[in-house]
Amino acid sequence: MFGKLIKEMRLQRNLGLRDFCRRLGEDASNWSKIERGLMPPPQNRQKLGKIASILEIRPDTEEWNNLIDQASIDAGIIPKDLISDKEVLNALPAFFRTIRSEKPSAEELDMVIERIRKGV
């Protein structure tokens, strides 16, 4: 959950809610709703970049990718880097069925296995 992740990172860095919000330029009561999962996280890359900067997260790191992914997932959106990859999109139906405990076809399993082997 994006809000929980941000709150944990904020507290690890000894940043109070009001100080964090002052730096971010957000109202503390509204941001508190994001941290509690009552409002969706921001999707604007500039805003997410500012959050990352305040939390001292460098771009193109695992922490950065996790922050971006969590913001997308909590908003019910497939992360943009995945949605732009046609092979990933083609594998998603098999992945979804597998998660739902529905059996994918042999062809779909082969496609997923091949993607894993390629490290994509």
PDB file of N, CA and C in Angstrom:
ATOM      1  N   MET A   1       0.831  -1.175   0.000  1.00  0.00           N
ATOM      2  CA  MET A   1       0.000   0.000   0.000  1.00  0.00           C
ATOM      3  C   MET A   1       0.884   1.251   0.000  1.00  0.00           C
ATOM      4  N   PHE A   2       0.622   2.149  -0.937  1.00  0.00           N
ATOM      5  CA  PHE A   2       1.426   3.352  -1.122  1.00  0.00           C
ATOM      6  C   PHE A   2       1.491   4.193   0.159  1.00  0.00           C
ATOM      7  N   GLY A   3       0.340   4.491   0.737  1.00  0.00           N
ATOM      8  CA  GLY A   3       0.302   5.345   1.920  1.00  0.00           C
ATOM      9  C   GLY A   3       1.103   4.793   3.080  1.00  0.00           C
ATOM     10  N   LYS A   4       0.957   3.499   3.305  1.00  0.00           N
ATOM     11  CA  LYS A   4       1.702   2.852   4.390  1.00  0.00           C
ATOM     12  C   LYS A   4       3.206   2.914   4.115  1.00  0.00           C
ATOM     13  N   LEU A   5       3.581   2.684   2.856  1.00  0.00           N
ATOM     14  CA  LEU A   5       4.992   2.738   2.467  1.00  0.00           C
ATOM     15  C   LEU A   5       5.568   4.131   2.726  1.00  0.00           C
ATOM     16  N   ILE A   6       4.850   5.160   2.291  1.00  0.00           N
ATOM     17  CA  ILE A   6       5.333   6.531   2.477  1.00  0.00           C
ATOM     18  C   ILE A   6       5.440   6.868   3.959  1.00  0.00           C
ATOM     19  N   LYS A   7       4.436   6.483   4.718  1.00  0.00           N
ATOM     20  CA  LYS A   7       4.460   6.775   6.157  1.00  0.00           C
ATOM     21  C   LYS A   7       5.662   6.101   6.823  1.00  0.00           C
ATOM     22  N   GLU A   8       5.915   4.836   6.488  1.00  0.00           N
ATOM     23  CA  GLU A   8       7.067   4.130   7.066  1.00  0.00           C
ATOM     24  C   GLU A   8       8.371   4.822   6.703  1.00  0.00           C
ATOM     25  N   MET A   9       8.511   5.194   5.432  1.00  0.00           N
ATOM     26  CA  MET A   9       9.743   5.861   4.995  1.00  0.00           C
ATOM     27  C   MET A   9       9.891   7.222   5.673  1.00  0.00           C
ATOM     28  N   ARG A  10       8.793   7.929   5.780  1.00  0.00           N
ATOM     29  CA  ARG A  10       8.796   9.245   6.417  1.00  0.00           C
ATOM     30  C   ARG A  10       9.252   9.131   7.868  1.00  0.00           C
ATOM     31  N   LEU A  11       8.692   8.158   8.585  1.00  0.00           N
ATOM     32  CA  LEU A  11       9.040   7.981   9.995  1.00  0.00           C
ATOM     33  C   LEU A  11      10.475   7.484  10.164  1.00  0.00           C
ATOM     34  N   GLN A  12      10.943   6.643   9.246  1.00  0.00           N
ATOM     35  CA  GLN A  12      12.340   6.191   9.301  1.00  0.00           C
ATOM     36  C   GLN A  12      13.309   7.365   9.182  1.00  0.00           C
ATOM     37  N   ARG A  13      12.865   8.395   8.496  1.00  0.00           N
ATOM     38  CA  ARG A  13      13.711   9.564   8.282  1.00  0.00           C
ATOM     39  C   ARG A  13      13.392  10.682   9.285  1.00  0.00           C
ATOM     40  N   ASN A  14      12.627  10.330  10.310  1.00  0.00           N
ATOM     41  CA  ASN A  14      12.244  11.282  11.360  1.00  0.00           C
ATOM     42  C   ASN A  14      11.545  12.527  10.811  1.00  0.00           C
ATOM     43  N   LEU A  15      10.696  12.315   9.806  1.00  0.00           N
ATOM     44  CA  LEU A  15       9.922  13.413   9.237  1.00  0.00           C
ATOM     45  C   LEU A  15       8.499  13.329   9.754  1.00  0.00           C
ATOM     46  N   GLY A  16       8.066  14.343  10.474  1.00  0.00           N
ATOM     47  CA  GLY A  16       6.686  14.384  10.926  1.00  0.00           C
ATOM     48  C   GLY A  16       5.764  14.665   9.744  1.00  0.00           C
ATOM     49  N   LEU A  17       4.512  14.369   9.926  1.00  0.00           N
ATOM     50  CA  LEU A  17       3.526  14.560   8.860  1.00  0.00           C
ATOM     51  C   LEU A  17       3.488  16.021   8.400  1.00  0.00           C
ATOM     52  N   ARG A  18       3.430  16.937   9.334  1.00  0.00           N
ATOM     53  CA  ARG A  18       3.326  18.357   8.964  1.00  0.00           C
ATOM     54  C   ARG A  18       4.577  18.853   8.241  1.00  0.00           C
ATOM     55  N   ASP A  19       5.745  18.436   8.697  1.00  0.00           N
ATOM     56  CA  ASP A  19       6.987  18.848   8.032  1.00  0.00           C
ATOM     57  C   ASP A  19       7.050  18.271   6.618  1.00  0.00           C
ATOM     58  N   PHE A  20       6.701  16.999   6.483  1.00  0.00           N
ATOM     59  CA  PHE A  20       6.680  16.356   5.180  1.00  0.00           C
ATOM     60  C   PHE A  20       5.719  17.097   4.235  1.00  0.00           C
ATOM     61  N   CYS A  21       4.526  17.396   4.725  1.00  0.00           N
ATOM     62  CA  CYS A  21       3.512  18.070   3.904  1.00  0.00           C
ATOM     63  C   CYS A  21       3.923  19.494   3.552  1.00  0.00           C
ATOM     64  N   ARG A  22       4.591  20.165   4.480  1.00  0.00           N
ATOM     65  CA  ARG A  22       5.076  21.533   4.194  1.00  0.00           C
ATOM     66  C   ARG A  22       6.068  21.482   3.040  1.00  0.00           C
ATOM     67  N   ARG A  23       6.987  20.520   3.076  1.00  0.00           N
ATOM     68  CA  ARG A  23       7.978  20.379   2.000  1.00  0.00           C
ATOM     69  C   ARG A  23       7.322  19.983   0.676  1.00  0.00           C
ATOM     70  N   LEU A  24       6.271  19.182   0.775  1.00  0.00           N
ATOM     71  CA  LEU A  24       5.586  18.688  -0.418  1.00  0.00           C
ATOM     72  C   LEU A  24       4.588  19.708  -0.971  1.00  0.00           C
ATOM     73  N   GLY A  25       4.172  20.646  -0.110  1.00  0.00           N
ATOM     74  CA  GLY A  25       3.180  21.623  -0.526  1.00  0.00           C
ATOM     75  C   GLY A  25       1.775  21.043  -0.526  1.00  0.00           C
ATOM     76  N   GLU A  26       1.513  20.127   0.415  1.00  0.00           N
ATOM     77  CA  GLU A  26       0.205  19.478   0.535  1.00  0.00           C
ATOM     78  C   GLU A  26      -0.402  19.776   1.901  1.00  0.00           C
ATOM     79  N   ASP A  27      -1.706  19.726   1.969  1.00  0.00           N
ATOM     80  CA  ASP A  27      -2.424  19.870   3.224  1.00  0.00           C
ATOM     81  C   ASP A  27      -2.254  18.581   4.032  1.00  0.00           C
ATOM     82  N   ALA A  28      -1.865  18.705   5.290  1.00  0.00           N
ATOM     83  CA  ALA A  28      -1.597  17.531   6.130  1.00  0.00           C
ATOM     84  C   ALA A  28      -2.825  16.643   6.305  1.00  0.00           C
ATOM     85  N   SER A  29      -4.006  17.232   6.428  1.00  0.00           N
ATOM     86  CA  SER A  29      -5.198  16.395   6.633  1.00  0.00           C
ATOM     87  C   SER A  29      -5.518  15.591   5.372  1.00  0.00           C
ATOM     88  N   ASN A  30      -5.325  16.186   4.198  1.00  0.00           N
ATOM     89  CA  ASN A  30      -5.541  15.430   2.960  1.00  0.00           C
ATOM     90  C   ASN A  30      -4.486  14.351   2.788  1.00  0.00           C
ATOM     91  N   TRP A  31      -3.229  14.697   3.089  1.00  0.00           N
ATOM     92  CA  TRP A  31      -2.160  13.710   2.923  1.00  0.00           C
ATOM     93  C   TRP A  31      -2.352  12.543   3.895  1.00  0.00           C
ATOM     94  N   SER A  32      -2.838  12.830   5.075  1.00  0.00           N
ATOM     95  CA  SER A  32      -3.112  11.782   6.049  1.00  0.00           C
ATOM     96  C   SER A  32      -4.100  10.762   5.471  1.00  0.00           C
ATOM     97  N   LYS A  33      -5.058  11.239   4.688  1.00  0.00           N
ATOM     98  CA  LYS A  33      -6.027  10.342   4.048  1.00  0.00           C
ATOM     99  C   LYS A  33      -5.343   9.441   3.022  1.00  0.00           C
ATOM    100  N   ILE A  34      -4.337   9.956   2.345  1.00  0.00           N
ATOM    101  CA  ILE A  34      -3.568   9.132   1.404  1.00  0.00           C
ATOM    102  C   ILE A  34      -2.805   8.066   2.183  1.00  0.00           C
ATOM    103  N   GLU A  35      -2.155   8.460   3.273  1.00  0.00           N
ATOM    104  CA  GLU A  35      -1.385   7.502   4.068  1.00  0.00           C
ATOM    105  C   GLU A  35      -2.272   6.416   4.678  1.00  0.00           C
ATOM    106  N   ARG A  36      -3.527   6.749   4.937  1.00  0.00           N
ATOM    107  CA  ARG A  36      -4.457   5.765   5.507  1.00  0.00           C
ATOM    108  C   ARG A  36      -5.219   4.990   4.439  1.00  0.00           C
ATOM    109  N   GLY A  37      -4.941   5.284   3.172  1.00  0.00           N
ATOM    110  CA  GLY A  37      -5.589   4.574   2.081  1.00  0.00           C
ATOM    111  C   GLY A  37      -7.007   5.028   1.793  1.00  0.00           C
ATOM    112  N   LEU A  38      -7.394   6.185   2.293  1.00  0.00           N
ATOM    113  CA  LEU A  38      -8.748   6.707   2.071  1.00  0.00           C
ATOM    114  C   LEU A  38      -8.841   7.518   0.784  1.00  0.00           C
ATOM    115  N   MET A  39      -7.703   7.988   0.297  1.00  0.00           N
ATOM    116  CA  MET A  39      -7.633   8.711  -0.976  1.00  0.00           C
ATOM    117  C   MET A  39      -6.554   8.043  -1.821  1.00  0.00           C
ATOM    118  N   PRO A  40      -6.721   8.062  -3.139  1.00  0.00           N
ATOM    119  CA  PRO A  40      -5.705   7.439  -3.990  1.00  0.00           C
ATOM    120  C   PRO A  40      -4.414   8.251  -4.003  1.00  0.00           C
ATOM    121  N   PRO A  41      -3.302   7.576  -4.243  1.00  0.00           N
ATOM    122  CA  PRO A  41      -2.026   8.288  -4.297  1.00  0.00           C
ATOM    123  C   PRO A  41      -1.926   9.148  -5.558  1.00  0.00           C
ATOM    124  N   PRO A  42      -1.041  10.137  -5.537  1.00  0.00           N
ATOM    125  CA  PRO A  42      -0.850  10.951  -6.736  1.00  0.00           C
ATOM    126  C   PRO A  42      -0.282  10.095  -7.863  1.00  0.00           C
ATOM    127  N   GLN A  43      -0.593  10.468  -9.100  1.00  0.00           N
ATOM    128  CA  GLN A  43      -0.069   9.764 -10.267  1.00  0.00           C
ATOM    129  C   GLN A  43       0.890  10.635 -11.070  1.00  0.00           C
ATOM    130  N   ASN A  44       0.896  11.907 -10.773  1.00  0.00           N
ATOM    131  CA  ASN A  44       1.756  12.846 -11.474  1.00  0.00           C
ATOM    132  C   ASN A  44       3.223  12.532 -11.167  1.00  0.00           C
ATOM    133  N   ARG A  45       4.014  12.288 -12.225  1.00  0.00           N
ATOM    134  CA  ARG A  45       5.420  11.915 -12.036  1.00  0.00           C
ATOM    135  C   ARG A  45       6.213  13.010 -11.326  1.00  0.00           C
ATOM    136  N   GLN A  46       5.859  14.268 -11.592  1.00  0.00           N
ATOM    137  CA  GLN A  46       6.553  15.367 -10.935  1.00  0.00           C
ATOM    138  C   GLN A  46       6.291  15.330  -9.429  1.00  0.00           C
ATOM    139  N   LYS A  47       5.051  15.082  -9.033  1.00  0.00           N
ATOM    140  CA  LYS A  47       4.697  15.003  -7.610  1.00  0.00           C
ATOM    141  C   LYS A  47       5.384  13.792  -6.974  1.00  0.00           C
ATOM    142  N   LEU A  48       5.364  12.650  -7.672  1.00  0.00           N
ATOM    143  CA  LEU A  48       6.037  11.455  -7.141  1.00  0.00           C
ATOM    144  C   LEU A  48       7.542  11.688  -7.030  1.00  0.00           C
ATOM    145  N   GLY A  49       8.091  12.424  -7.985  1.00  0.00           N
ATOM    146  CA  GLY A  49       9.513  12.768  -7.917  1.00  0.00           C
ATOM    147  C   GLY A  49       9.825  13.651  -6.728  1.00  0.00           C
ATOM    148  N   LYS A  50       8.929  14.569  -6.419  1.00  0.00           N
ATOM    149  CA  LYS A  50       9.130  15.450  -5.264  1.00  0.00           C
ATOM    150  C   LYS A  50       9.052  14.637  -3.961  1.00  0.00           C
ATOM    151  N   ILE A  51       8.109  13.706  -3.902  1.00  0.00           N
ATOM    152  CA  ILE A  51       8.003  12.827  -2.728  1.00  0.00           C
ATOM    153  C   ILE A  51       9.301  12.050  -2.560  1.00  0.00           C
ATOM    154  N   ALA A  52       9.783  11.494  -3.659  1.00  0.00           N
ATOM    155  CA  ALA A  52      11.029  10.722  -3.621  1.00  0.00           C
ATOM    156  C   ALA A  52      12.194  11.599  -3.154  1.00  0.00           C
ATOM    157  N   SER A  53      12.244  12.804  -3.648  1.00  0.00           N
ATOM    158  CA  SER A  53      13.319  13.719  -3.262  1.00  0.00           C
ATOM    159  C   SER A  53      13.279  14.019  -1.768  1.00  0.00           C
ATOM    160  N   ILE A  54      12.092  14.297  -1.253  1.00  0.00           N
ATOM    161  CA  ILE A  54      11.945  14.582   0.177  1.00  0.00           C
ATOM    162  C   ILE A  54      12.391  13.379   1.008  1.00  0.00           C
ATOM    163  N   LEU A  55      12.081  12.187   0.500  1.00  0.00           N
ATOM    164  CA  LEU A  55      12.436  10.957   1.225  1.00  0.00           C
ATOM    165  C   LEU A  55      13.849  10.462   0.877  1.00  0.00           C
ATOM    166  N   GLU A  56      14.562  11.264   0.091  1.00  0.00           N
ATOM    167  CA  GLU A  56      15.945  10.949  -0.316  1.00  0.00           C
ATOM    168  C   GLU A  56      16.036   9.631  -1.074  1.00  0.00           C
ATOM    169  N   ILE A  57      15.086   9.436  -1.985  1.00  0.00           N
ATOM    170  CA  ILE A  57      15.077   8.247  -2.849  1.00  0.00           C
ATOM    171  C   ILE A  57      15.595   8.675  -4.212  1.00  0.00           C
ATOM    172  N   ARG A  58      16.654   8.026  -4.657  1.00  0.00           N
ATOM    173  CA  ARG A  58      17.241   8.360  -5.952  1.00  0.00           C
ATOM    174  C   ARG A  58      16.450   7.709  -7.086  1.00  0.00           C
ATOM    175  N   PRO A  59      16.302   8.414  -8.214  1.00  0.00           N
ATOM    176  CA  PRO A  59      15.628   7.825  -9.374  1.00  0.00           C
ATOM    177  C   PRO A  59      16.338   6.562  -9.854  1.00  0.00           C
ATOM    178  N   ASP A  60      15.562   5.697 -10.464  1.00  0.00           N
ATOM    179  CA  ASP A  60      16.062   4.461 -11.071  1.00  0.00           C
ATOM    180  C   ASP A  60      16.720   3.510 -10.072  1.00  0.00           C
ATOM    181  N   THR A  61      16.229   3.544  -8.831  1.00  0.00           N
ATOM    182  CA  THR A  61      16.665   2.576  -7.829  1.00  0.00           C
ATOM    183  C   THR A  61      15.482   1.662  -7.529  1.00  0.00           C
ATOM    184  N   GLU A  62      15.722   0.603  -6.803  1.00  0.00           N
ATOM    185  CA  GLU A  62      14.648  -0.303  -6.427  1.00  0.00           C
ATOM    186  C   GLU A  62      13.589   0.418  -5.592  1.00  0.00           C
ATOM    187  N   GLU A  63      14.048   1.293  -4.684  1.00  0.00           N
ATOM    188  CA  GLU A  63      13.104   2.069  -3.862  1.00  0.00           C
ATOM    189  C   GLU A  63      12.234   2.974  -4.730  1.00  0.00           C
ATOM    190  N   TRP A  64      12.851   3.604  -5.728  1.00  0.00           N
ATOM    191  CA  TRP A  64      12.119   4.477  -6.653  1.00  0.00           C
ATOM    192  C   TRP A  64      11.061   3.677  -7.409  1.00  0.00           C
ATOM    193  N   ASN A  65      11.473   2.547  -7.980  1.00  0.00           N
ATOM    194  CA  ASN A  65      10.536   1.713  -8.737  1.00  0.00           C
ATOM    195  C   ASN A  65       9.394   1.227  -7.855  1.00  0.00           C
ATOM    196  N   ASN A  66       9.702   0.865  -6.624  1.00  0.00           N
ATOM    197  CA  ASN A  66       8.675   0.410  -5.688  1.00  0.00           C
ATOM    198  C   ASN A  66       7.677   1.530  -5.395  1.00  0.00           C
ATOM    199  N   LEU A  67       8.168   2.740  -5.200  1.00  0.00           N
ATOM    200  CA  LEU A  67       7.309   3.894  -4.940  1.00  0.00           C
ATOM    201  C   LEU A  67       6.353   4.122  -6.124  1.00  0.00           C
ATOM    202  N   ILE A  68       6.890   4.126  -7.323  1.00  0.00           N
ATOM    203  CA  ILE A  68       6.087   4.350  -8.529  1.00  0.00           C
ATOM    204  C   ILE A  68       5.079   3.213  -8.715  1.00  0.00           C
ATOM    205  N   ASP A  69       5.540   1.966  -8.538  1.00  0.00           N
ATOM    206  CA  ASP A  69       4.646   0.813  -8.701  1.00  0.00           C
ATOM    207  C   ASP A  69       3.506   0.852  -7.693  1.00  0.00           C
ATOM    208  N   GLN A  70       3.817   1.163  -6.438  1.00  0.00           N
ATOM    209  CA  GLN A  70       2.784   1.205  -5.407  1.00  0.00           C
ATOM    210  C   GLN A  70       1.755   2.298  -5.691  1.00  0.00           C
ATOM    211  N   ALA A  71       2.214   3.434  -6.196  1.00  0.00           N
ATOM    212  CA  ALA A  71       1.285   4.519  -6.536  1.00  0.00           C
ATOM    213  C   ALA A  71       0.330   4.057  -7.639  1.00  0.00           C
ATOM    214  N   SER A  72       0.855   3.352  -8.633  1.00  0.00           N
ATOM    215  CA  SER A  72       0.018   2.848  -9.725  1.00  0.00           C
ATOM    216  C   SER A  72      -0.952   1.784  -9.229  1.00  0.00           C
ATOM    217  N   ILE A  73      -0.425   0.823  -8.514  1.00  0.00           N
ATOM    218  CA  ILE A  73      -1.243  -0.308  -8.049  1.00  0.00           C
ATOM    219  C   ILE A  73      -2.381   0.169  -7.153  1.00  0.00           C
ATOM    220  N   ASP A  74      -2.077   1.080  -6.218  1.00  0.00           N
ATOM    221  CA  ASP A  74      -3.124   1.581  -5.317  1.00  0.00           C
ATOM    222  C   ASP A  74      -4.195   2.375  -6.053  1.00  0.00           C
ATOM    223  N   ALA A  75      -3.849   2.909  -7.210  1.00  0.00           N
ATOM    224  CA  ALA A  75      -4.829   3.642  -8.011  1.00  0.00           C
ATOM    225  C   ALA A  75      -5.539   2.699  -8.990  1.00  0.00           C
ATOM    226  N   GLY A  76      -5.188   1.401  -8.943  1.00  0.00           N
ATOM    227  CA  GLY A  76      -5.821   0.430  -9.824  1.00  0.00           C
ATOM    228  C   GLY A  76      -5.309   0.501 -11.250  1.00  0.00           C
ATOM    229  N   ILE A  77      -4.064   0.907 -11.406  1.00  0.00           N
ATOM    230  CA  ILE A  77      -3.467   1.086 -12.727  1.00  0.00           C
ATOM    231  C   ILE A  77      -2.269   0.151 -12.870  1.00  0.00           C
ATOM    232  N   ILE A  78      -2.146  -0.469 -14.035  1.00  0.00           N
ATOM    233  CA  ILE A  78      -0.955  -1.270 -14.320  1.00  0.00           C
ATOM    234  C   ILE A  78       0.187  -0.277 -14.567  1.00  0.00           C
ATOM    235  N   PRO A  79       1.344  -0.473 -13.918  1.00  0.00           N
ATOM    236  CA  PRO A  79       2.461   0.458 -14.097  1.00  0.00           C
ATOM    237  C   PRO A  79       2.776   0.706 -15.581  1.00  0.00           C
ATOM    238  N   LYS A  80       3.085   1.962 -15.913  1.00  0.00           N
ATOM    239  CA  LYS A  80       3.265   2.388 -17.303  1.00  0.00           C
ATOM    240  C   LYS A  80       4.339   1.614 -18.047  1.00  0.00           C
ATOM    241  N   ASP A  81       5.440   1.265 -17.366  1.00  0.00           N
ATOM    242  CA  ASP A  81       6.488   0.533 -18.069  1.00  0.00           C
ATOM    243  C   ASP A  81       6.014  -0.864 -18.475  1.00  0.00           C
ATOM    244  N   LEU A  82       5.094  -1.444 -17.719  1.00  0.00           N
ATOM    245  CA  LEU A  82       4.557  -2.761 -18.067  1.00  0.00           C
ATOM    246  C   LEU A  82       3.491  -2.657 -19.149  1.00  0.00           C
ATOM    247  N   ILE A  83       2.662  -1.652 -19.062  1.00  0.00           N
ATOM    248  CA  ILE A  83       1.572  -1.502 -20.016  1.00  0.00           C
ATOM    249  C   ILE A  83       2.104  -1.185 -21.414  1.00  0.00           C
ATOM    250  N   SER A  84       3.297  -0.628 -21.506  1.00  0.00           N
ATOM    251  CA  SER A  84       3.859  -0.286 -22.815  1.00  0.00           C
ATOM    252  C   SER A  84       4.597  -1.463 -23.461  1.00  0.00           C
ATOM    253  N   ASP A  85       4.761  -2.565 -22.743  1.00  0.00           N
ATOM    254  CA  ASP A  85       5.451  -3.750 -23.271  1.00  0.00           C
ATOM    255  C   ASP A  85       4.404  -4.751 -23.770  1.00  0.00           C
ATOM    256  N   LYS A  86       4.312  -4.923 -25.090  1.00  0.00           N
ATOM    257  CA  LYS A  86       3.279  -5.786 -25.679  1.00  0.00           C
ATOM    258  C   LYS A  86       3.405  -7.237 -25.220  1.00  0.00           C
ATOM    259  N   GLU A  87       4.628  -7.713 -25.046  1.00  0.00           N
ATOM    260  CA  GLU A  87       4.801  -9.093 -24.583  1.00  0.00           C
ATOM    261  C   GLU A  87       4.248  -9.274 -23.177  1.00  0.00           C
ATOM    262  N   VAL A  88       4.494  -8.306 -22.328  1.00  0.00           N
ATOM    263  CA  VAL A  88       3.968  -8.365 -20.963  1.00  0.00           C
ATOM    264  C   VAL A  88       2.446  -8.331 -21.010  1.00  0.00           C
ATOM    265  N   LEU A  89       1.893  -7.442 -21.820  1.00  0.00           N
ATOM    266  CA  LEU A  89       0.436  -7.353 -21.938  1.00  0.00           C
ATOM    267  C   LEU A  89      -0.166  -8.673 -22.398  1.00  0.00           C
ATOM    268  N   ASN A  90       0.493  -9.343 -23.341  1.00  0.00           N
ATOM    269  CA  ASN A  90      -0.007 -10.623 -23.832  1.00  0.00           C
ATOM    270  C   ASN A  90       0.052 -11.712 -22.764  1.00  0.00           C
ATOM    271  N   ALA A  91       1.004 -11.588 -21.831  1.00  0.00           N
ATOM    272  CA  ALA A  91       1.143 -12.591 -20.772  1.00  0.00           C
ATOM    273  C   ALA A  91       0.214 -12.333 -19.589  1.00  0.00           C
ATOM    274  N   LEU A  92      -0.311 -11.122 -19.468  1.00  0.00           N
ATOM    275  CA  LEU A  92      -1.132 -10.784 -18.309  1.00  0.00           C
ATOM    276  C   LEU A  92      -2.376 -11.660 -18.139  1.00  0.00           C
ATOM    277  N   PRO A  93      -3.139 -11.983 -19.188  1.00  0.00           N
ATOM    278  CA  PRO A  93      -4.314 -12.830 -18.963  1.00  0.00           C
ATOM    279  C   PRO A  93      -3.968 -14.169 -18.312  1.00  0.00           C
ATOM    280  N   ALA A  94      -2.878 -14.799 -18.754  1.00  0.00           N
ATOM    281  CA  ALA A  94      -2.466 -16.072 -18.147  1.00  0.00           C
ATOM    282  C   ALA A  94      -2.058 -15.853 -16.694  1.00  0.00           C
ATOM    283  N   PHE A  95      -1.364 -14.771 -16.440  1.00  0.00           N
ATOM    284  CA  PHE A  95      -0.943 -14.443 -15.081  1.00  0.00           C
ATOM    285  C   PHE A  95      -2.154 -14.236 -14.178  1.00  0.00           C
ATOM    286  N   PHE A  96      -3.141 -13.480 -14.657  1.00  0.00           N
ATOM    287  CA  PHE A  96      -4.346 -13.228 -13.865  1.00  0.00           C
ATOM    288  C   PHE A  96      -5.100 -14.519 -13.566  1.00  0.00           C
ATOM    289  N   ARG A  97      -5.230 -15.369 -14.563  1.00  0.00           N
ATOM    290  CA  ARG A  97      -5.928 -16.647 -14.340  1.00  0.00           C
ATOM    291  C   ARG A  97      -5.178 -17.505 -13.337  1.00  0.00           C
ATOM    292  N   THR A  98      -3.857 -17.496 -13.416  1.00  0.00           N
ATOM    293  CA  THR A  98      -3.048 -18.285 -12.484  1.00  0.00           C
ATOM    294  C   THR A  98      -3.267 -17.788 -11.057  1.00  0.00           C
ATOM    295  N   ILE A  99      -3.273 -16.479 -10.886  1.00  0.00           N
ATOM    296  CA  ILE A  99      -3.509 -15.905  -9.554  1.00  0.00           C
ATOM    297  C   ILE A  99      -4.891 -16.296  -9.042  1.00  0.00           C
ATOM    298  N   ARG A 100      -5.850 -16.376  -9.954  1.00  0.00           N
ATOM    299  CA  ARG A 100      -7.213 -16.745  -9.573  1.00  0.00           C
ATOM    300  C   ARG A 100      -7.381 -18.252  -9.451  1.00  0.00           C
ATOM    301  N   SER A 101      -6.290 -18.978  -9.560  1.00  0.00           N
ATOM    302  CA  SER A 101      -6.279 -20.444  -9.493  1.00  0.00           C
ATOM    303  C   SER A 101      -6.995 -21.090 -10.670  1.00  0.00           C
ATOM    304  N   GLU A 102      -7.038 -20.393 -11.789  1.00  0.00           N
ATOM    305  CA  GLU A 102      -7.565 -20.965 -13.011  1.00  0.00           C
ATOM    306  C   GLU A 102      -6.381 -21.466 -13.823  1.00  0.00           C
ATOM    307  N   LYS A 103      -6.545 -22.575 -14.466  1.00  0.00           N
ATOM    308  CA  LYS A 103      -5.438 -23.194 -15.172  1.00  0.00           C
ATOM    309  C   LYS A 103      -5.202 -22.523 -16.532  1.00  0.00           C
ATOM    310  N   PRO A 104      -3.987 -21.983 -16.759  1.00  0.00           N
ATOM    311  CA  PRO A 104      -3.676 -21.405 -18.069  1.00  0.00           C
ATOM    312  C   PRO A 104      -3.393 -22.508 -19.090  1.00  0.00           C
ATOM    313  N   SER A 105      -3.491 -22.150 -20.355  1.00  0.00           N
ATOM    314  CA  SER A 105      -3.194 -23.121 -21.411  1.00  0.00           C
ATOM    315  C   SER A 105      -1.697 -23.386 -21.458  1.00  0.00           C
ATOM    316  N   ALA A 106      -1.314 -24.473 -22.102  1.00  0.00           N
ATOM    317  CA  ALA A 106       0.104 -24.823 -22.239  1.00  0.00           C
ATOM    318  C   ALA A 106       0.852 -23.722 -22.982  1.00  0.00           C
ATOM    319  N   GLU A 107       0.221 -23.157 -23.994  1.00  0.00           N
ATOM    320  CA  GLU A 107       0.834 -22.074 -24.769  1.00  0.00           C
ATOM    321  C   GLU A 107       1.080 -20.851 -23.887  1.00  0.00           C
ATOM    322  N   GLU A 108       0.122 -20.505 -23.049  1.00  0.00           N
ATOM    323  CA  GLU A 108       0.275 -19.359 -22.159  1.00  0.00           C
ATOM    324  C   GLU A 108       1.368 -19.611 -21.128  1.00  0.00           C
ATOM    325  N   LEU A 109       1.435 -20.822 -20.609  1.00  0.00           N
ATOM    326  CA  LEU A 109       2.502 -21.150 -19.663  1.00  0.00           C
ATOM    327  C   LEU A 109       3.863 -21.042 -20.325  1.00  0.00           C
ATOM    328  N   ASP A 110       3.970 -21.539 -21.555  1.00  0.00           N
ATOM    329  CA  ASP A 110       5.238 -21.450 -22.284  1.00  0.00           C
ATOM    330  C   ASP A 110       5.659 -19.989 -22.469  1.00  0.00           C
ATOM    331  N   MET A 111       4.689 -19.127 -22.763  1.00  0.00           N
ATOM    332  CA  MET A 111       4.972 -17.708 -22.952  1.00  0.00           C
ATOM    333  C   MET A 111       5.490 -17.096 -21.650  1.00  0.00           C
ATOM    334  N   VAL A 112       4.860 -17.411 -20.541  1.00  0.00           N
ATOM    335  CA  VAL A 112       5.285 -16.874 -19.249  1.00  0.00           C
ATOM    336  C   VAL A 112       6.677 -17.399 -18.885  1.00  0.00           C
ATOM    337  N   ILE A 113       6.912 -18.685 -19.105  1.00  0.00           N
ATOM    338  CA  ILE A 113       8.217 -19.281 -18.805  1.00  0.00           C
ATOM    339  C   ILE A 113       9.307 -18.625 -19.633  1.00  0.00           C
ATOM    340  N   GLU A 114       9.026 -18.389 -20.896  1.00  0.00           N
ATOM    341  CA  GLU A 114      10.002 -17.748 -21.772  1.00  0.00           C
ATOM    342  C   GLU A 114      10.322 -16.335 -21.293  1.00  0.00           C
ATOM    343  N   ARG A 115       9.307 -15.599 -20.845  1.00  0.00           N
ATOM    344  CA  ARG A 115       9.524 -14.248 -20.329  1.00  0.00           C
ATOM    345  C   ARG A 115      10.396 -14.284 -19.075  1.00  0.00           C
ATOM    346  N   ILE A 116      10.166 -15.275 -18.231  1.00  0.00           N
ATOM    347  CA  ILE A 116      10.958 -15.410 -17.007  1.00  0.00           C
ATOM    348  C   ILE A 116      12.398 -15.724 -17.353  1.00  0.00           C
ATOM    349  N   ARG A 117      12.600 -16.613 -18.304  1.00  0.00           N
ATOM    350  CA  ARG A 117      13.958 -16.977 -18.722  1.00  0.00           C
ATOM    351  C   ARG A 117      14.717 -15.783 -19.271  1.00  0.00           C
ATOM    352  N   LYS A 118      14.015 -14.925 -19.986  1.00  0.00           N
ATOM    353  CA  LYS A 118      14.645 -13.742 -20.563  1.00  0.00           C
ATOM    354  C   LYS A 118      14.935 -12.682 -19.500  1.00  0.00           C
ATOM    355  N   GLY A 119      14.322 -12.869 -18.339  1.00  0.00           N
ATOM    356  CA  GLY A 119      14.529 -11.909 -17.255  1.00  0.00           C
ATOM    357  C   GLY A 119      13.728 -10.640 -17.427  1.00  0.00           C
ATOM    358  N   VAL A 120      12.617 -10.757 -18.124  1.00  0.00           N
ATOM    359  CA  VAL A 120      11.776  -9.581 -18.370  1.00  0.00           C
ATOM    360  C   VAL A 120      10.602  -9.601 -17.439  1.00  0.00           C
TER     361      VAL A 120
END
